[in-house]
Protein backbone atom coordinates (compact mmCIF):
# COMPACT_ATOMS: atom_id res chain seq x y z
CA ALA A 1 0.04 -0.02 0.25
CA MET A 2 2.98 2.32 0.95
CA LEU A 3 4.82 2.04 -2.52
CA ASP A 4 0.79 2.31 -4.29
CA ALA A 5 0.62 5.38 -3.10
CA LEU A 6 4.36 6.93 -3.51
CA ASP A 7 3.38 5.63 -7.38
CA ASN A 8 -0.15 8.35 -7.43
CA ALA A 9 1.92 11.18 -5.37
CA ILE A 10 5.07 11.57 -6.02
CA ILE A 11 5.39 13.07 -10.17
CA GLU A 12 7.97 15.15 -9.87
CA VAL A 13 10.76 15.20 -8.19
CA ARG A 14 9.99 18.54 -6.79
CA GLN A 15 7.60 17.04 -4.77
CA ARG A 16 8.82 15.84 -1.15
CA THR A 17 7.24 13.42 1.13
CA LEU A 18 7.21 11.99 4.77
CA VAL A 19 6.24 8.18 5.37
CA PHE A 20 5.91 8.88 9.40
CA ALA A 21 6.10 5.85 11.30
CA ASN A 22 6.26 4.44 15.11
CA SER A 23 9.55 2.75 16.05
CA ILE A 24 13.40 3.11 15.17
CA VAL A 25 12.99 0.07 13.79
CA SER A 26 9.08 0.61 11.39
CA VAL A 27 11.42 3.81 9.95
CA GLN A 28 14.62 1.13 9.11
CA GLN A 29 11.94 -1.14 7.69
CA ALA A 30 9.93 1.27 5.79
CA TYR A 31 12.64 2.36 4.44
CA GLU A 32 14.37 -0.58 3.08
CA ALA A 33 11.37 -1.44 1.34
CA LEU A 34 11.27 2.32 -0.65
CA ARG A 35 15.54 1.39 -0.73
CA SER A 36 14.42 -2.03 -2.62
CA ALA A 37 11.31 -0.79 -5.02
CA GLY A 38 13.65 1.23 -6.29
CA TRP A 39 12.89 4.63 -4.72
CA LYS A 40 15.31 7.63 -3.52
CA ALA A 41 14.78 8.06 0.06
CA GLN A 42 16.25 8.30 3.41
CA MET A 43 15.67 7.78 7.23
CA TYR A 44 15.75 10.95 10.20
CA HIS A 45 14.59 8.83 13.89
CA LYS A 46 15.98 9.78 16.78
CA GLY A 47 18.27 6.66 17.63
CA MET A 48 21.14 8.79 14.97
CA PRO A 49 23.45 11.29 15.77
CA PHE A 50 22.45 14.47 15.69
CA GLU A 51 25.08 15.46 13.29
CA ASP A 52 23.19 12.85 10.85
CA ARG A 53 19.47 13.42 11.27
CA GLU A 54 21.09 17.62 10.37
CA GLU A 55 22.64 16.29 7.16
CA VAL A 56 19.96 14.01 6.43
CA LEU A 57 17.54 17.47 6.68
CA GLU A 58 19.46 19.75 4.81
CA ARG A 59 20.11 17.44 2.28
CA PHE A 60 15.70 16.38 2.34
CA ARG A 61 15.07 20.11 2.27
CA ASN A 62 17.68 21.13 -1.20
CA GLY A 63 15.87 18.40 -2.83
CA GLN A 64 18.40 15.81 -2.80
CA PHE A 65 16.29 13.13 -2.80
CA PRO A 66 12.22 14.00 -2.43
CA ILE A 67 11.37 10.64 0.04
CA LEU A 68 12.26 11.22 4.06
CA VAL A 69 10.89 8.09 6.90
CA CYS A 70 11.17 9.84 10.24
CA GLY A 71 9.39 8.80 13.48
CA LYS A 72 7.49 11.02 15.34
CA GLU A 73 9.95 14.45 16.47
CA ILE A 74 10.26 14.78 13.10
CA THR A 75 7.36 17.63 13.57
CA ARG A 76 10.21 18.39 17.29
CA GLY A 77 10.74 22.76 15.80
CA VAL A 78 12.40 21.42 11.99
CA ASP A 79 11.07 23.43 9.62
CA LEU A 80 9.81 21.52 6.89
CA PRO A 81 8.69 23.44 3.75
CA ALA A 82 7.37 21.91 0.82
CA ILE A 83 5.42 19.22 2.39
CA THR A 84 3.57 18.12 -0.80
CA HIS A 85 2.95 13.77 0.23
CA VAL A 86 2.01 13.24 3.92
CA ILE A 87 1.93 9.16 4.13
CA GLN A 88 1.38 6.67 6.75
CA TYR A 89 3.66 4.35 7.12
CA GLU A 90 2.29 2.58 10.71
CA PHE A 91 -0.60 5.66 12.26
CA ALA A 92 -0.16 7.45 15.09
CA GLY A 93 -0.42 5.37 18.59
CA ASN A 94 -3.00 8.63 20.05
CA ALA A 95 -4.42 12.18 18.82
CA TYR A 96 -2.04 14.35 19.55
CA ASP A 97 0.88 12.83 17.05
CA HIS A 98 -2.00 12.12 14.57
CA MET A 99 -3.16 16.05 14.35
CA HIS A 100 1.00 17.13 14.49
CA ARG A 101 1.83 15.08 11.30
């Protein structure tokens, strides 16, 4: 279902898509599934060193890849302009987290 949604969502390279998952393991699984299917994506989760997370965000902002697989920490004070699509790999555990995705 996630891959079908991406096929319909990403038409131009300039479009930016967030794929939300609930845990580090789920972020890694979604990332691997996307990469295996040939999608250009990166992951962002709280288990990554701060410097790596910052580098991934900068590359995403610059359009070096169209898909960012992430956990809820991306919604906490991170400025990501021009997000065109949000895909729920897993639904949020509560209404508050869902609203901020």
